[in-house]
C-alpha atoms as a PDB file:
ATOM      1  CA  MET A   1      -8.849   9.853  -9.159  1.00  0.00           C
ATOM      2  CA  ILE A   2      -9.856   7.333  -6.552  1.00  0.00           C
ATOM      3  CA  GLU A   3      -7.628   4.352  -5.812  1.00  0.00           C
ATOM      4  CA  ALA A   4     -10.182   1.537  -5.645  1.00  0.00           C
ATOM      5  CA  GLU A   5      -8.284  -1.178  -3.755  1.00  0.00           C
ATOM      6  CA  LEU A   6      -8.992  -4.497  -2.148  1.00  0.00           C
ATOM      7  CA  LYS A   7      -6.429  -6.398  -0.168  1.00  0.00           C
ATOM      8  CA  ALA A   8      -6.530 -10.123   0.900  1.00  0.00           C
ATOM      9  CA  ARG A   9      -4.521 -12.486   2.818  1.00  0.00           C
ATOM     10  CA  VAL A  10      -3.101 -15.228   0.336  1.00  0.00           C
ATOM     11  CA  HIS A  11      -2.887 -18.787   1.740  1.00  0.00           C
ATOM     12  CA  ALA A  12      -1.527 -20.265  -1.607  1.00  0.00           C
ATOM     13  CA  PRO A  13       0.819 -17.675  -3.013  1.00  0.00           C
ATOM     14  CA  GLU A  14       2.523 -19.947  -5.600  1.00  0.00           C
ATOM     15  CA  ALA A  15      -0.933 -20.720  -7.053  1.00  0.00           C
ATOM     16  CA  VAL A  16      -1.967 -17.167  -7.210  1.00  0.00           C
ATOM     17  CA  MET A  17       1.568 -16.294  -8.616  1.00  0.00           C
ATOM     18  CA  ARG A  18       0.976 -18.703 -11.565  1.00  0.00           C
ATOM     19  CA  GLN A  19      -2.382 -17.257 -12.210  1.00  0.00           C
ATOM     20  CA  LEU A  20      -0.947 -13.709 -12.363  1.00  0.00           C
ATOM     21  CA  ASP A  21       1.870 -14.729 -14.640  1.00  0.00           C
ATOM     22  CA  ASP A  22      -0.617 -16.077 -17.075  1.00  0.00           C
ATOM     23  CA  ARG A  23      -2.080 -12.537 -17.264  1.00  0.00           C
ATOM     24  CA  ALA A  24       1.086 -10.419 -17.410  1.00  0.00           C
ATOM     25  CA  PRO A  25       4.849 -10.490 -16.833  1.00  0.00           C
ATOM     26  CA  ALA A  26       6.125  -9.833 -13.207  1.00  0.00           C
ATOM     27  CA  ARG A  27       7.798  -6.712 -12.142  1.00  0.00           C
ATOM     28  CA  ILE A  28       9.878  -7.509  -9.002  1.00  0.00           C
ATOM     29  CA  GLU A  29      10.460  -4.472  -6.794  1.00  0.00           C
ATOM     30  CA  GLU A  30      11.379  -3.471  -3.338  1.00  0.00           C
ATOM     31  CA  TYR A  31       9.499  -0.493  -1.760  1.00  0.00           C
ATOM     32  CA  LYS A  32      11.027   1.621   0.998  1.00  0.00           C
ATOM     33  CA  ASP A  33       8.041   3.494   2.493  1.00  0.00           C
ATOM     34  CA  THR A  34       8.247   6.270   4.903  1.00  0.00           C
ATOM     35  CA  TYR A  35       4.999   7.829   6.279  1.00  0.00           C
ATOM     36  CA  TYR A  36       4.883  11.495   7.578  1.00  0.00           C
ATOM     37  CA  ASP A  37       2.495  13.551   9.720  1.00  0.00           C
ATOM     38  CA  ARG A  38       2.313  16.686  11.582  1.00  0.00           C
ATOM     39  CA  PRO A  39       3.746  16.621  15.203  1.00  0.00           C
ATOM     40  CA  ASP A  40       0.184  16.628  16.493  1.00  0.00           C
ATOM     41  CA  MET A  41      -0.911  13.762  13.920  1.00  0.00           C
ATOM     42  CA  ALA A  42      -3.333  16.093  12.216  1.00  0.00           C
ATOM     43  CA  LEU A  43      -3.081  14.003   8.848  1.00  0.00           C
ATOM     44  CA  GLU A  44      -3.987  10.709  10.814  1.00  0.00           C
ATOM     45  CA  LYS A  45      -6.866  12.515  12.723  1.00  0.00           C
ATOM     46  CA  ALA A  46      -8.131  13.648   9.327  1.00  0.00           C
ATOM     47  CA  GLY A  47      -7.759  10.154   7.596  1.00  0.00           C
ATOM     48  CA  GLN A  48      -5.019  11.387   5.342  1.00  0.00           C
ATOM     49  CA  GLU A  49      -1.644   9.882   4.329  1.00  0.00           C
ATOM     50  CA  LEU A  50       1.726  11.471   3.257  1.00  0.00           C
ATOM     51  CA  ARG A  51       4.374   8.970   1.895  1.00  0.00           C
ATOM     52  CA  VAL A  52       7.706   8.983   0.373  1.00  0.00           C
ATOM     53  CA  ARG A  53       8.349   5.631  -1.503  1.00  0.00           C
ATOM     54  CA  THR A  54      11.607   4.704  -3.051  1.00  0.00           C
ATOM     55  CA  VAL A  55      11.305   1.735  -5.405  1.00  0.00           C
ATOM     56  CA  ARG A  56      14.263  -0.430  -6.316  1.00  0.00           C
ATOM     57  CA  SER A  57      14.421  -3.112  -9.099  1.00  0.00           C
ATOM     58  CA  ASP A  58      17.460  -4.704 -10.715  1.00  0.00           C
ATOM     59  CA  SER A  59      17.484  -1.984 -13.406  1.00  0.00           C
ATOM     60  CA  SER A  60      16.228   1.214 -11.706  1.00  0.00           C
ATOM     61  CA  VAL A  61      15.701   3.327  -8.667  1.00  0.00           C
ATOM     62  CA  ARG A  62      12.686   5.813  -8.458  1.00  0.00           C
ATOM     63  CA  THR A  63      10.969   7.767  -5.685  1.00  0.00           C
ATOM     64  CA  VAL A  64       7.369   8.957  -5.627  1.00  0.00           C
ATOM     65  CA  LEU A  65       5.704  11.291  -3.399  1.00  0.00           C
ATOM     66  CA  THR A  66       2.012  10.317  -2.389  1.00  0.00           C
ATOM     67  CA  PHE A  67      -0.724  12.116  -0.653  1.00  0.00           C
ATOM     68  CA  LYS A  68      -3.954  10.163   0.134  1.00  0.00           C
ATOM     69  CA  GLU A  69      -7.180  12.037   1.166  1.00  0.00           C
ATOM     70  CA  ALA A  70      -9.755  10.469   3.692  1.00  0.00           C
ATOM     71  CA  SER A  71     -11.451   7.344   2.380  1.00  0.00           C
ATOM     72  CA  VAL A  72     -14.582   7.558   0.392  1.00  0.00           C
ATOM     73  CA  GLY A  73     -16.083   4.551   1.962  1.00  0.00           C
ATOM     74  CA  GLU A  74     -15.601   2.216   4.933  1.00  0.00           C
ATOM     75  CA  GLU A  75     -15.908  -1.180   3.054  1.00  0.00           C
ATOM     76  CA  SER A  76     -12.396  -0.972   1.334  1.00  0.00           C
ATOM     77  CA  GLY A  77     -10.839   2.290   2.562  1.00  0.00           C
ATOM     78  CA  SER A  78     -10.426   3.472  -1.085  1.00  0.00           C
ATOM     79  CA  LYS A  79      -9.088   6.953  -1.172  1.00  0.00           C
ATOM     80  CA  PRO A  80      -8.484   9.874  -3.558  1.00  0.00           C
ATOM     81  CA  GLU A  81      -4.808   9.553  -4.380  1.00  0.00           C
ATOM     82  CA  HIS A  82      -2.337  12.237  -5.659  1.00  0.00           C
ATOM     83  CA  GLU A  83       1.131  10.953  -6.728  1.00  0.00           C
ATOM     84  CA  THR A  84       4.023  12.412  -8.437  1.00  0.00           C
ATOM     85  CA  ALA A  85       7.660  11.297  -9.110  1.00  0.00           C
ATOM     86  CA  VAL A  86      10.468  13.106  -7.456  1.00  0.00           C
ATOM     87  CA  ALA A  87      14.009  13.372  -8.648  1.00  0.00           C
ATOM     88  CA  SER A  88      15.658  12.903  -5.298  1.00  0.00           C
ATOM     89  CA  ALA A  89      14.462  10.963  -2.277  1.00  0.00           C
ATOM     90  CA  GLU A  90      16.866  12.966  -0.004  1.00  0.00           C
ATOM     91  CA  ALA A  91      15.275  16.124  -1.280  1.00  0.00           C
ATOM     92  CA  ALA A  92      11.801  14.887  -0.759  1.00  0.00           C
ATOM     93  CA  HIS A  93      12.633  13.977   2.849  1.00  0.00           C
ATOM     94  CA  ALA A  94      14.303  17.296   3.453  1.00  0.00           C
ATOM     95  CA  ILE A  95      11.321  19.266   2.105  1.00  0.00           C
ATOM     96  CA  LEU A  96       8.901  17.427   4.178  1.00  0.00           C
ATOM     97  CA  HIS A  97      11.011  17.995   7.324  1.00  0.00           C
ATOM     98  CA  GLY A  98      11.529  21.761   6.439  1.00  0.00           C
ATOM     99  CA  LEU A  99       7.711  22.040   6.236  1.00  0.00           C
ATOM    100  CA  GLY A 100       7.404  20.759   9.809  1.00  0.00           C
ATOM    101  CA  HIS A 101       6.447  17.101   9.049  1.00  0.00           C
ATOM    102  CA  VAL A 102       7.952  14.320  11.138  1.00  0.00           C
ATOM    103  CA  PRO A 103       8.474  10.588  10.124  1.00  0.00           C
ATOM    104  CA  VAL A 104       5.847   8.340  11.710  1.00  0.00           C
ATOM    105  CA  ILE A 105       7.065   4.936  10.455  1.00  0.00           C
ATOM    106  CA  ALA A 106       9.201   3.506   7.874  1.00  0.00           C
ATOM    107  CA  PHE A 107       9.563  -0.169   6.534  1.00  0.00           C
ATOM    108  CA  LYS A 108      10.292  -2.216   3.460  1.00  0.00           C
ATOM    109  CA  LYS A 109       7.767  -4.201   1.299  1.00  0.00           C
ATOM    110  CA  HIS A 110       8.779  -6.872  -1.382  1.00  0.00           C
ATOM    111  CA  CYS A 111       6.535  -6.702  -4.283  1.00  0.00           C
ATOM    112  CA  ARG A 112       5.713  -8.812  -7.272  1.00  0.00           C
ATOM    113  CA  ASN A 113       3.696  -6.382  -9.494  1.00  0.00           C
ATOM    114  CA  HIS A 114       1.436  -7.322 -12.482  1.00  0.00           C
ATOM    115  CA  GLU A 115      -0.453  -4.797 -14.719  1.00  0.00           C
ATOM    116  CA  PHE A 116      -3.317  -6.042 -16.869  1.00  0.00           C
ATOM    117  CA  GLU A 117      -6.509  -5.303 -18.299  1.00  0.00           C
ATOM    118  CA  ALA A 118      -9.647  -7.014 -16.777  1.00  0.00           C
ATOM    119  CA  HIS A 119     -13.367  -6.259 -17.152  1.00  0.00           C
ATOM    120  CA  GLY A 120     -12.592  -3.067 -19.206  1.00  0.00           C
ATOM    121  CA  ARG A 121     -10.324  -1.688 -16.471  1.00  0.00           C
ATOM    122  CA  ARG A 122      -6.556  -1.337 -16.120  1.00  0.00           C
ATOM    123  CA  MET A 123      -5.499  -3.165 -12.845  1.00  0.00           C
ATOM    124  CA  LEU A 124      -2.543  -3.494 -10.791  1.00  0.00           C
ATOM    125  CA  ALA A 125      -2.033  -6.743  -8.841  1.00  0.00           C
ATOM    126  CA  THR A 126       0.826  -6.860  -6.161  1.00  0.00           C
ATOM    127  CA  LEU A 127       1.811  -9.791  -4.087  1.00  0.00           C
ATOM    128  CA  VAL A 128       3.485  -8.420  -0.940  1.00  0.00           C
ATOM    129  CA  THR A 129       5.706  -9.644   1.641  1.00  0.00           C
ATOM    130  CA  VAL A 130       6.997  -7.765   4.555  1.00  0.00           C
ATOM    131  CA  ALA A 131       9.949  -9.195   6.398  1.00  0.00           C
ATOM    132  CA  GLU A 132       8.682  -8.011   9.727  1.00  0.00           C
ATOM    133  CA  LEU A 133       5.104  -9.805   9.157  1.00  0.00           C
ATOM    134  CA  ASP A 134       3.848 -13.168   8.664  1.00  0.00           C
ATOM    135  CA  GLY A 135       2.368 -14.260   5.457  1.00  0.00           C
ATOM    136  CA  THR A 136       1.634 -12.986   1.877  1.00  0.00           C
ATOM    137  CA  PHE A 137      -0.844 -10.370   0.922  1.00  0.00           C
ATOM    138  CA  LEU A 138      -2.399  -9.517  -2.506  1.00  0.00           C
ATOM    139  CA  GLU A 139      -3.414  -6.046  -3.268  1.00  0.00           C
ATOM    140  CA  LEU A 140      -5.639  -5.347  -6.323  1.00  0.00           C
ATOM    141  CA  GLU A 141      -6.242  -1.933  -7.458  1.00  0.00           C
ATOM    142  CA  THR A 142      -7.570   0.339 -10.248  1.00  0.00           C
ATOM    143  CA  LEU A 143      -7.885   4.014 -10.523  1.00  0.00           C
ATOM    144  CA  VAL A 144     -11.478   5.398 -11.103  1.00  0.00           C
ATOM    145  CA  ASN A 145     -13.679   8.413 -10.688  1.00  0.00           C
ATOM    146  CA  GLU A 146     -15.522   8.532  -7.492  1.00  0.00           C
ATOM    147  CA  SER A 147     -18.899   7.678  -9.129  1.00  0.00           C
ATOM    148  CA  GLU A 148     -17.187   4.373 -10.282  1.00  0.00           C
ATOM    149  CA  VAL A 149     -15.908   3.157  -7.141  1.00  0.00           C
ATOM    150  CA  ALA A 150     -18.574   0.726  -6.157  1.00  0.00           C
ATOM    151  CA  ASP A 151     -18.721  -0.882  -9.795  1.00  0.00           C
ATOM    152  CA  ALA A 152     -14.840  -1.010  -9.754  1.00  0.00           C
ATOM    153  CA  LEU A 153     -14.757  -2.844  -6.215  1.00  0.00           C
ATOM    154  CA  ASP A 154     -17.242  -5.447  -7.828  1.00  0.00           C
ATOM    155  CA  ASP A 155     -14.818  -5.943 -10.751  1.00  0.00           C
ATOM    156  CA  LEU A 156     -11.947  -6.280  -8.230  1.00  0.00           C
ATOM    157  CA  ARG A 157     -13.809  -8.980  -6.341  1.00  0.00           C
ATOM    158  CA  THR A 158     -14.548 -10.856  -9.583  1.00  0.00           C
ATOM    159  CA  VAL A 159     -10.769 -10.875 -10.433  1.00  0.00           C
ATOM    160  CA  LEU A 160      -9.824 -12.019  -7.046  1.00  0.00           C
ATOM    161  CA  CYS A 161     -12.181 -14.844  -7.351  1.00  0.00           C
ATOM    162  CA  GLU A 162     -10.773 -15.731 -10.716  1.00  0.00           C
ATOM    163  CA  LEU A 163      -7.196 -15.774  -9.273  1.00  0.00           C
ATOM    164  CA  GLY A 164      -8.444 -18.343  -6.627  1.00  0.00           C
ATOM    165  CA  VAL A 165      -8.632 -15.776  -3.692  1.00  0.00           C
ATOM    166  CA  ASP A 166     -11.358 -16.371  -1.182  1.00  0.00           C
ATOM    167  CA  LEU A 167     -13.286 -13.313  -0.521  1.00  0.00           C
ATOM    168  CA  GLU A 168     -13.340 -14.317   3.176  1.00  0.00           C
ATOM    169  CA  ASP A 169      -9.592 -13.538   3.194  1.00  0.00           C
ATOM    170  CA  LEU A 170     -10.139  -9.786   2.480  1.00  0.00           C
ATOM    171  CA  THR A 171      -8.758  -7.655   5.115  1.00  0.00           C
ATOM    172  CA  ARG A 172      -8.370  -4.039   6.180  1.00  0.00           C
ATOM    173  CA  GLU A 173      -5.356  -4.842   8.199  1.00  0.00           C
ATOM    174  CA  LEU A 174      -2.552  -2.083   7.703  1.00  0.00           C
ATOM    175  CA  TYR A 175       1.119  -2.818   7.162  1.00  0.00           C
ATOM    176  CA  THR A 176       1.702   0.478   9.180  1.00  0.00           C
ATOM    177  CA  ASP A 177      -0.180  -0.667  12.127  1.00  0.00           C
ATOM    178  CA  ALA A 178       1.060  -4.171  12.071  1.00  0.00           C
ATOM    179  CA  VAL A 179       4.767  -3.280  11.674  1.00  0.00           C
ATOM    180  CA  ALA A 180       4.510  -0.645  14.472  1.00  0.00           C
ATOM    181  CA  ALA A 181       2.828  -3.205  16.692  1.00  0.00           C
ATOM    182  CA  LYS A 182       5.672  -5.765  16.148  1.00  0.00           C
ATOM    183  CA  ARG A 183       8.280  -3.042  16.890  1.00  0.00           C
ATOM    184  CA  ALA A 184       6.333  -2.064  20.051  1.00  0.00           C
ATOM    185  CA  SER A 185       6.308  -5.555  21.330  1.00  0.00           C
ATOM    186  CA  GLY A 186      10.073  -6.015  20.422  1.00  0.00           C
ATOM    187  CA  GLN A 187       9.275  -8.934  18.041  1.00  0.00           C
ATOM    188  CA  SER A 188      10.505  -7.263  14.869  1.00  0.00           C
ATOM    189  CA  PRO A 189      13.796  -8.349  13.438  1.00  0.00           C
ATOM    190  CA  GLU A 190      14.236  -5.085  11.575  1.00  0.00           C
ATOM    191  CA  GLU A 191      14.584  -1.489  12.807  1.00  0.00           C
ATOM    192  CA  GLY A 192      12.969   1.641  11.706  1.00  0.00           C
ATOM    193  CA  PRO A 193      11.382   4.707  12.923  1.00  0.00           C
ATOM    194  CA  ALA A 194       8.143   4.154  14.848  1.00  0.00           C
ATOM    195  CA  VAL A 195       7.564   7.385  16.896  1.00  0.00           C
ATOM    196  CA  ARG A 196       3.821   7.564  17.129  1.00  0.00           C
ATOM    197  CA  GLN A 197       2.582   7.711  20.710  1.00  0.00           C
ATOM    198  CA  GLY A 198      -0.368   5.371  21.807  1.00  0.00           C
ATOM    199  CA  PRO A 199      -1.883   2.590  19.707  1.00  0.00           C
ATOM    200  CA  PRO A 200      -0.809   2.650  16.064  1.00  0.00           C
ATOM    201  CA  LYS A 201      -3.509   3.645  13.817  1.00  0.00           C
ATOM    202  CA  PHE A 202      -3.034   4.765  10.189  1.00  0.00           C
ATOM    203  CA  PRO A 203      -6.505   4.808   8.428  1.00  0.00           C
ATOM    204  CA  GLY A 204      -7.010   3.223   5.089  1.00  0.00           C
ATOM    205  CA  PRO A 205      -4.910   0.680   3.325  1.00  0.00           C
ATOM    206  CA  THR A 206      -1.378   1.429   2.353  1.00  0.00           C
END
């Protein structure tokens, strides 16, 4: 399946939050994301991503392992995605280390998730803040077959407009790049691994 996704900067997060609350209850979660690559950055060069994500809420903790292939289009960076739950975050990290992968960057995202049906599609809308970055972002996604990506992106744009988000605020800005740049400049208030050499560049949206 392809994760068709659009991401936008949100200038009126409270208004968008109210719109989302009208569609579905919110699920408040904290994501701790760690991205891995080979020592020669082979995954990055191929446009791929390998991530361990631990998700915490008031009632649960879960970990998922995700591999994203190269994007199927430049417009949104939508990628084929393969994801599975893992029983132990520690084991997942140990396995990737044992297979020769190295952590590239790790950071936390504070997320407000809403799942709902729109235009015949199951969608996930996530309001995101990252302590190390300024502003609020909205990620809107749906899983589709590759042949449906263009139509799905049109539906996502329609929903963004319904939520009051200006399509001029769509962005391909990457959390990985932005956080790495903040840390490299010494402006980040948090710490975490950022071992990539040279300009930070993780292809496709996170």
